[in-house]
Amino acid sequence: MSEPARFYRCYLLNSDNSLRKTQEFRCPSESEAKERAIAWLDLAENDGARGLELWKRDRCLFIRRRGEIVARASTD
């Protein structure tokens, strides 16, 4: 039996960390949500974005800046 999809929110950021775009989506796992978020950042239409943050409810799961990856540890 497959695991139910979870709800995620991804924010694309400008160089000053201001919000550029937001995308909400469902994925079955955090790893797939990270892959989807990175793929969204890498789209040609988002070339001006300098990074992203991936959130699940009130918890930041992942931060990526162009050229670097910053993993967030769980605070639970």
PDB file of N, CA and C in Angstrom:
ATOM      1  N   MET A   1       0.852  -1.181   0.000  1.00  0.00           N
ATOM      2  CA  MET A   1       0.000   0.000   0.000  1.00  0.00           C
ATOM      3  C   MET A   1       0.895   1.241   0.000  1.00  0.00           C
ATOM      4  N   SER A   2       0.603   2.183  -0.842  1.00  0.00           N
ATOM      5  CA  SER A   2       1.444   3.376  -0.935  1.00  0.00           C
ATOM      6  C   SER A   2       1.132   4.361   0.202  1.00  0.00           C
ATOM      7  N   GLU A   3       2.158   5.137   0.537  1.00  0.00           N
ATOM      8  CA  GLU A   3       2.034   6.139   1.593  1.00  0.00           C
ATOM      9  C   GLU A   3       1.251   7.343   1.074  1.00  0.00           C
ATOM     10  N   PRO A   4       0.389   7.948   1.893  1.00  0.00           N
ATOM     11  CA  PRO A   4      -0.378   9.108   1.415  1.00  0.00           C
ATOM     12  C   PRO A   4       0.543  10.303   1.135  1.00  0.00           C
ATOM     13  N   ALA A   5       0.151  11.096   0.168  1.00  0.00           N
ATOM     14  CA  ALA A   5       0.938  12.278  -0.193  1.00  0.00           C
ATOM     15  C   ALA A   5       0.868  13.307   0.928  1.00  0.00           C
ATOM     16  N   ARG A   6       1.962  14.006   1.124  1.00  0.00           N
ATOM     17  CA  ARG A   6       2.039  15.067   2.124  1.00  0.00           C
ATOM     18  C   ARG A   6       2.049  16.408   1.413  1.00  0.00           C
ATOM     19  N   PHE A   7       1.627  17.425   2.132  1.00  0.00           N
ATOM     20  CA  PHE A   7       1.506  18.771   1.590  1.00  0.00           C
ATOM     21  C   PHE A   7       2.798  19.560   1.861  1.00  0.00           C
ATOM     22  N   TYR A   8       3.326  20.211   0.829  1.00  0.00           N
ATOM     23  CA  TYR A   8       4.555  21.008   0.934  1.00  0.00           C
ATOM     24  C   TYR A   8       4.333  22.382   0.314  1.00  0.00           C
ATOM     25  N   ARG A   9       5.136  23.329   0.750  1.00  0.00           N
ATOM     26  CA  ARG A   9       5.118  24.675   0.178  1.00  0.00           C
ATOM     27  C   ARG A   9       6.560  25.050  -0.132  1.00  0.00           C
ATOM     28  N   CYS A  10       6.771  25.576  -1.332  1.00  0.00           N
ATOM     29  CA  CYS A  10       8.100  25.970  -1.770  1.00  0.00           C
ATOM     30  C   CYS A  10       8.091  27.455  -2.115  1.00  0.00           C
ATOM     31  N   TYR A  11       9.111  28.156  -1.644  1.00  0.00           N
ATOM     32  CA  TYR A  11       9.256  29.581  -1.899  1.00  0.00           C
ATOM     33  C   TYR A  11      10.509  29.825  -2.726  1.00  0.00           C
ATOM     34  N   LEU A  12      10.364  30.503  -3.858  1.00  0.00           N
ATOM     35  CA  LEU A  12      11.528  30.967  -4.608  1.00  0.00           C
ATOM     36  C   LEU A  12      11.892  32.343  -4.078  1.00  0.00           C
ATOM     37  N   LEU A  13      13.184  32.590  -3.917  1.00  0.00           N
ATOM     38  CA  LEU A  13      13.659  33.820  -3.305  1.00  0.00           C
ATOM     39  C   LEU A  13      14.529  34.629  -4.251  1.00  0.00           C
ATOM     40  N   ASN A  14      14.473  35.948  -4.095  1.00  0.00           N
ATOM     41  CA  ASN A  14      15.361  36.865  -4.797  1.00  0.00           C
ATOM     42  C   ASN A  14      16.691  36.944  -4.048  1.00  0.00           C
ATOM     43  N   SER A  15      17.661  37.662  -4.579  1.00  0.00           N
ATOM     44  CA  SER A  15      18.984  37.748  -3.957  1.00  0.00           C
ATOM     45  C   SER A  15      18.943  38.381  -2.568  1.00  0.00           C
ATOM     46  N   ASP A  16      17.935  39.203  -2.281  1.00  0.00           N
ATOM     47  CA  ASP A  16      17.809  39.814  -0.951  1.00  0.00           C
ATOM     48  C   ASP A  16      16.901  38.987  -0.030  1.00  0.00           C
ATOM     49  N   ASN A  17      16.619  37.757  -0.424  1.00  0.00           N
ATOM     50  CA  ASN A  17      15.749  36.815   0.303  1.00  0.00           C
ATOM     51  C   ASN A  17      14.283  37.220   0.325  1.00  0.00           C
ATOM     52  N   SER A  18      13.895  38.176  -0.497  1.00  0.00           N
ATOM     53  CA  SER A  18      12.473  38.500  -0.608  1.00  0.00           C
ATOM     54  C   SER A  18      11.785  37.433  -1.462  1.00  0.00           C
ATOM     55  N   LEU A  19      10.503  37.289  -1.267  1.00  0.00           N
ATOM     56  CA  LEU A  19       9.715  36.275  -1.952  1.00  0.00           C
ATOM     57  C   LEU A  19       9.550  36.612  -3.428  1.00  0.00           C
ATOM     58  N   ARG A  20       9.818  35.630  -4.268  1.00  0.00           N
ATOM     59  CA  ARG A  20       9.654  35.785  -5.718  1.00  0.00           C
ATOM     60  C   ARG A  20       8.393  35.070  -6.195  1.00  0.00           C
ATOM     61  N   LYS A  21       8.248  33.787  -5.813  1.00  0.00           N
ATOM     62  CA  LYS A  21       7.098  32.963  -6.191  1.00  0.00           C
ATOM     63  C   LYS A  21       6.867  31.918  -5.103  1.00  0.00           C
ATOM     64  N   THR A  22       5.639  31.408  -5.069  1.00  0.00           N
ATOM     65  CA  THR A  22       5.288  30.329  -4.144  1.00  0.00           C
ATOM     66  C   THR A  22       4.608  29.220  -4.920  1.00  0.00           C
ATOM     67  N   GLN A  23       4.890  27.996  -4.537  1.00  0.00           N
ATOM     68  CA  GLN A  23       4.237  26.837  -5.142  1.00  0.00           C
ATOM     69  C   GLN A  23       3.859  25.873  -4.022  1.00  0.00           C
ATOM     70  N   GLU A  24       2.633  25.391  -4.049  1.00  0.00           N
ATOM     71  CA  GLU A  24       2.172  24.375  -3.108  1.00  0.00           C
ATOM     72  C   GLU A  24       1.934  23.094  -3.879  1.00  0.00           C
ATOM     73  N   PHE A  25       2.310  21.958  -3.269  1.00  0.00           N
ATOM     74  CA  PHE A  25       2.125  20.683  -3.949  1.00  0.00           C
ATOM     75  C   PHE A  25       2.120  19.545  -2.938  1.00  0.00           C
ATOM     76  N   ARG A  26       1.726  18.382  -3.401  1.00  0.00           N
ATOM     77  CA  ARG A  26       1.734  17.166  -2.582  1.00  0.00           C
ATOM     78  C   ARG A  26       2.769  16.211  -3.163  1.00  0.00           C
ATOM     79  N   CYS A  27       3.467  15.525  -2.265  1.00  0.00           N
ATOM     80  CA  CYS A  27       4.439  14.500  -2.644  1.00  0.00           C
ATOM     81  C   CYS A  27       4.387  13.394  -1.593  1.00  0.00           C
ATOM     82  N   PRO A  28       4.720  12.176  -1.966  1.00  0.00           N
ATOM     83  CA  PRO A  28       4.677  11.081  -1.003  1.00  0.00           C
ATOM     84  C   PRO A  28       5.836  11.078  -0.003  1.00  0.00           C
ATOM     85  N   SER A  29       6.936  11.814  -0.296  1.00  0.00           N
ATOM     86  CA  SER A  29       8.078  11.791   0.619  1.00  0.00           C
ATOM     87  C   SER A  29       8.829  13.119   0.572  1.00  0.00           C
ATOM     88  N   GLU A  30       9.602  13.377   1.620  1.00  0.00           N
ATOM     89  CA  GLU A  30      10.409  14.593   1.667  1.00  0.00           C
ATOM     90  C   GLU A  30      11.457  14.603   0.562  1.00  0.00           C
ATOM     91  N   SER A  31      12.056  13.460   0.280  1.00  0.00           N
ATOM     92  CA  SER A  31      13.087  13.420  -0.765  1.00  0.00           C
ATOM     93  C   SER A  31      12.503  13.763  -2.129  1.00  0.00           C
ATOM     94  N   GLU A  32      11.314  13.280  -2.424  1.00  0.00           N
ATOM     95  CA  GLU A  32      10.671  13.623  -3.696  1.00  0.00           C
ATOM     96  C   GLU A  32      10.272  15.096  -3.719  1.00  0.00           C
ATOM     97  N   ALA A  33       9.851  15.628  -2.584  1.00  0.00           N
ATOM     98  CA  ALA A  33       9.506  17.053  -2.518  1.00  0.00           C
ATOM     99  C   ALA A  33      10.744  17.913  -2.772  1.00  0.00           C
ATOM    100  N   LYS A  34      11.897  17.528  -2.227  1.00  0.00           N
ATOM    101  CA  LYS A  34      13.141  18.257  -2.476  1.00  0.00           C
ATOM    102  C   LYS A  34      13.500  18.230  -3.953  1.00  0.00           C
ATOM    103  N   GLU A  35      13.389  17.059  -4.569  1.00  0.00           N
ATOM    104  CA  GLU A  35      13.676  16.935  -6.005  1.00  0.00           C
ATOM    105  C   GLU A  35      12.748  17.828  -6.822  1.00  0.00           C
ATOM    106  N   ARG A  36      11.488  17.837  -6.473  1.00  0.00           N
ATOM    107  CA  ARG A  36      10.522  18.663  -7.198  1.00  0.00           C
ATOM    108  C   ARG A  36      10.825  20.153  -7.026  1.00  0.00           C
ATOM    109  N   ALA A  37      11.181  20.560  -5.812  1.00  0.00           N
ATOM    110  CA  ALA A  37      11.514  21.957  -5.545  1.00  0.00           C
ATOM    111  C   ALA A  37      12.744  22.391  -6.345  1.00  0.00           C
ATOM    112  N   ILE A  38      13.773  21.552  -6.365  1.00  0.00           N
ATOM    113  CA  ILE A  38      14.992  21.874  -7.123  1.00  0.00           C
ATOM    114  C   ILE A  38      14.686  21.963  -8.607  1.00  0.00           C
ATOM    115  N   ALA A  39      13.859  21.047  -9.108  1.00  0.00           N
ATOM    116  CA  ALA A  39      13.485  21.081 -10.530  1.00  0.00           C
ATOM    117  C   ALA A  39      12.751  22.373 -10.859  1.00  0.00           C
ATOM    118  N   TRP A  40      11.923  22.858  -9.940  1.00  0.00           N
ATOM    119  CA  TRP A  40      11.196  24.115 -10.150  1.00  0.00           C
ATOM    120  C   TRP A  40      12.179  25.288 -10.193  1.00  0.00           C
ATOM    121  N   LEU A  41      13.143  25.308  -9.279  1.00  0.00           N
ATOM    122  CA  LEU A  41      14.162  26.359  -9.270  1.00  0.00           C
ATOM    123  C   LEU A  41      14.965  26.350 -10.567  1.00  0.00           C
ATOM    124  N   ASP A  42      15.230  25.164 -11.103  1.00  0.00           N
ATOM    125  CA  ASP A  42      16.063  25.030 -12.294  1.00  0.00           C
ATOM    126  C   ASP A  42      15.354  25.345 -13.605  1.00  0.00           C
ATOM    127  N   LEU A  43      14.045  25.596 -13.579  1.00  0.00           N
ATOM    128  CA  LEU A  43      13.338  25.955 -14.810  1.00  0.00           C
ATOM    129  C   LEU A  43      13.875  27.276 -15.361  1.00  0.00           C
ATOM    130  N   ALA A  44      13.959  27.379 -16.675  1.00  0.00           N
ATOM    131  CA  ALA A  44      14.469  28.597 -17.315  1.00  0.00           C
ATOM    132  C   ALA A  44      13.676  29.835 -16.899  1.00  0.00           C
ATOM    133  N   GLU A  45      12.384  29.692 -16.687  1.00  0.00           N
ATOM    134  CA  GLU A  45      11.543  30.833 -16.293  1.00  0.00           C
ATOM    135  C   GLU A  45      11.902  31.364 -14.905  1.00  0.00           C
ATOM    136  N   ASN A  46      12.656  30.587 -14.127  1.00  0.00           N
ATOM    137  CA  ASN A  46      13.033  30.996 -12.773  1.00  0.00           C
ATOM    138  C   ASN A  46      14.519  31.343 -12.650  1.00  0.00           C
ATOM    139  N   ASP A  47      15.163  31.658 -13.775  1.00  0.00           N
ATOM    140  CA  ASP A  47      16.593  31.988 -13.769  1.00  0.00           C
ATOM    141  C   ASP A  47      16.946  33.123 -12.819  1.00  0.00           C
ATOM    142  N   GLY A  48      16.053  34.073 -12.626  1.00  0.00           N
ATOM    143  CA  GLY A  48      16.332  35.205 -11.747  1.00  0.00           C
ATOM    144  C   GLY A  48      16.267  34.890 -10.270  1.00  0.00           C
ATOM    145  N   ALA A  49      15.688  33.740  -9.916  1.00  0.00           N
ATOM    146  CA  ALA A  49      15.593  33.358  -8.506  1.00  0.00           C
ATOM    147  C   ALA A  49      16.975  32.973  -7.997  1.00  0.00           C
ATOM    148  N   ARG A  50      17.306  33.377  -6.784  1.00  0.00           N
ATOM    149  CA  ARG A  50      18.623  33.096  -6.211  1.00  0.00           C
ATOM    150  C   ARG A  50      18.616  31.917  -5.266  1.00  0.00           C
ATOM    151  N   GLY A  51      17.424  31.418  -4.923  1.00  0.00           N
ATOM    152  CA  GLY A  51      17.361  30.264  -4.045  1.00  0.00           C
ATOM    153  C   GLY A  51      15.939  29.860  -3.743  1.00  0.00           C
ATOM    154  N   LEU A  52      15.793  28.871  -2.860  1.00  0.00           N
ATOM    155  CA  LEU A  52      14.469  28.400  -2.479  1.00  0.00           C
ATOM    156  C   LEU A  52      14.487  27.917  -1.044  1.00  0.00           C
ATOM    157  N   GLU A  53      13.291  27.855  -0.469  1.00  0.00           N
ATOM    158  CA  GLU A  53      13.054  27.219   0.821  1.00  0.00           C
ATOM    159  C   GLU A  53      11.881  26.272   0.637  1.00  0.00           C
ATOM    160  N   LEU A  54      12.010  25.063   1.180  1.00  0.00           N
ATOM    161  CA  LEU A  54      10.948  24.066   1.137  1.00  0.00           C
ATOM    162  C   LEU A  54      10.434  23.863   2.558  1.00  0.00           C
ATOM    163  N   TRP A  55       9.117  23.987   2.718  1.00  0.00           N
ATOM    164  CA  TRP A  55       8.479  23.894   4.038  1.00  0.00           C
ATOM    165  C   TRP A  55       7.423  22.810   4.047  1.00  0.00           C
ATOM    166  N   LYS A  56       7.293  22.169   5.207  1.00  0.00           N
ATOM    167  CA  LYS A  56       6.194  21.235   5.486  1.00  0.00           C
ATOM    168  C   LYS A  56       5.548  21.763   6.758  1.00  0.00           C
ATOM    169  N   ARG A  57       4.357  22.273   6.627  1.00  0.00           N
ATOM    170  CA  ARG A  57       3.655  22.978   7.706  1.00  0.00           C
ATOM    171  C   ARG A  57       4.523  24.123   8.206  1.00  0.00           C
ATOM    172  N   ASP A  58       4.906  24.106   9.473  1.00  0.00           N
ATOM    173  CA  ASP A  58       5.690  25.211  10.034  1.00  0.00           C
ATOM    174  C   ASP A  58       7.174  24.849  10.183  1.00  0.00           C
ATOM    175  N   ARG A  59       7.627  23.846   9.436  1.00  0.00           N
ATOM    176  CA  ARG A  59       9.001  23.375   9.553  1.00  0.00           C
ATOM    177  C   ARG A  59       9.731  23.516   8.218  1.00  0.00           C
ATOM    178  N   CYS A  60      10.834  24.240   8.235  1.00  0.00           N
ATOM    179  CA  CYS A  60      11.666  24.372   7.037  1.00  0.00           C
ATOM    180  C   CYS A  60      12.482  23.091   6.888  1.00  0.00           C
ATOM    181  N   LEU A  61      12.313  22.433   5.735  1.00  0.00           N
ATOM    182  CA  LEU A  61      12.993  21.162   5.490  1.00  0.00           C
ATOM    183  C   LEU A  61      14.300  21.318   4.744  1.00  0.00           C
ATOM    184  N   PHE A  62      14.367  22.346   3.909  1.00  0.00           N
ATOM    185  CA  PHE A  62      15.463  22.407   2.952  1.00  0.00           C
ATOM    186  C   PHE A  62      15.619  23.831   2.450  1.00  0.00           C
ATOM    187  N   ILE A  63      16.861  24.263   2.350  1.00  0.00           N
ATOM    188  CA  ILE A  63      17.180  25.565   1.775  1.00  0.00           C
ATOM    189  C   ILE A  63      18.226  25.338   0.700  1.00  0.00           C
ATOM    190  N   ARG A  64      18.036  25.972  -0.424  1.00  0.00           N
ATOM    191  CA  ARG A  64      19.037  25.890  -1.489  1.00  0.00           C
ATOM    192  C   ARG A  64      19.258  27.281  -2.050  1.00  0.00           C
ATOM    193  N   ARG A  65      20.500  27.664  -2.133  1.00  0.00           N
ATOM    194  CA  ARG A  65      20.902  28.901  -2.802  1.00  0.00           C
ATOM    195  C   ARG A  65      21.627  28.488  -4.063  1.00  0.00           C
ATOM    196  N   ARG A  66      21.531  29.258  -5.089  1.00  0.00           N
ATOM    197  CA  ARG A  66      22.238  28.906  -6.319  1.00  0.00           C
ATOM    198  C   ARG A  66      23.716  28.715  -5.986  1.00  0.00           C
ATOM    199  N   GLY A  67      24.227  27.527  -6.289  1.00  0.00           N
ATOM    200  CA  GLY A  67      25.624  27.234  -6.048  1.00  0.00           C
ATOM    201  C   GLY A  67      25.925  26.588  -4.707  1.00  0.00           C
ATOM    202  N   GLU A  68      24.928  26.445  -3.826  1.00  0.00           N
ATOM    203  CA  GLU A  68      25.164  25.790  -2.538  1.00  0.00           C
ATOM    204  C   GLU A  68      23.907  25.090  -2.059  1.00  0.00           C
ATOM    205  N   ILE A  69      24.087  24.109  -1.188  1.00  0.00           N
ATOM    206  CA  ILE A  69      22.966  23.379  -0.592  1.00  0.00           C
ATOM    207  C   ILE A  69      23.112  23.466   0.918  1.00  0.00           C
ATOM    208  N   VAL A  70      22.028  23.799   1.586  1.00  0.00           N
ATOM    209  CA  VAL A  70      22.015  23.867   3.044  1.00  0.00           C
ATOM    210  C   VAL A  70      20.901  22.956   3.527  1.00  0.00           C
ATOM    211  N   ALA A  71      21.243  21.899   4.229  1.00  0.00           N
ATOM    212  CA  ALA A  71      20.236  20.966   4.765  1.00  0.00           C
ATOM    213  C   ALA A  71      19.799  21.471   6.130  1.00  0.00           C
ATOM    214  N   ARG A  72      18.533  21.325   6.412  1.00  0.00           N
ATOM    215  CA  ARG A  72      17.996  21.730   7.715  1.00  0.00           C
ATOM    216  C   ARG A  72      17.711  20.485   8.528  1.00  0.00           C
ATOM    217  N   ALA A  73      18.206  20.448   9.739  1.00  0.00           N
ATOM    218  CA  ALA A  73      17.941  19.323  10.635  1.00  0.00           C
ATOM    219  C   ALA A  73      16.588  19.530  11.310  1.00  0.00           C
ATOM    220  N   SER A  74      15.964  18.444  11.636  1.00  0.00           N
ATOM    221  CA  SER A  74      14.681  18.524  12.335  1.00  0.00           C
ATOM    222  C   SER A  74      14.897  19.072  13.739  1.00  0.00           C
ATOM    223  N   THR A  75      13.967  19.906  14.177  1.00  0.00           N
ATOM    224  CA  THR A  75      14.041  20.460  15.530  1.00  0.00           C
ATOM    225  C   THR A  75      13.076  19.756  16.462  1.00  0.00           C
ATOM    226  N   ASP A  76      12.477  18.662  15.979  1.00  0.00           N
ATOM    227  CA  ASP A  76      11.526  17.906  16.818  1.00  0.00           C
ATOM    228  C   ASP A  76      12.242  17.137  17.895  1.00  0.00           C
TER     229      ASP A  76
END
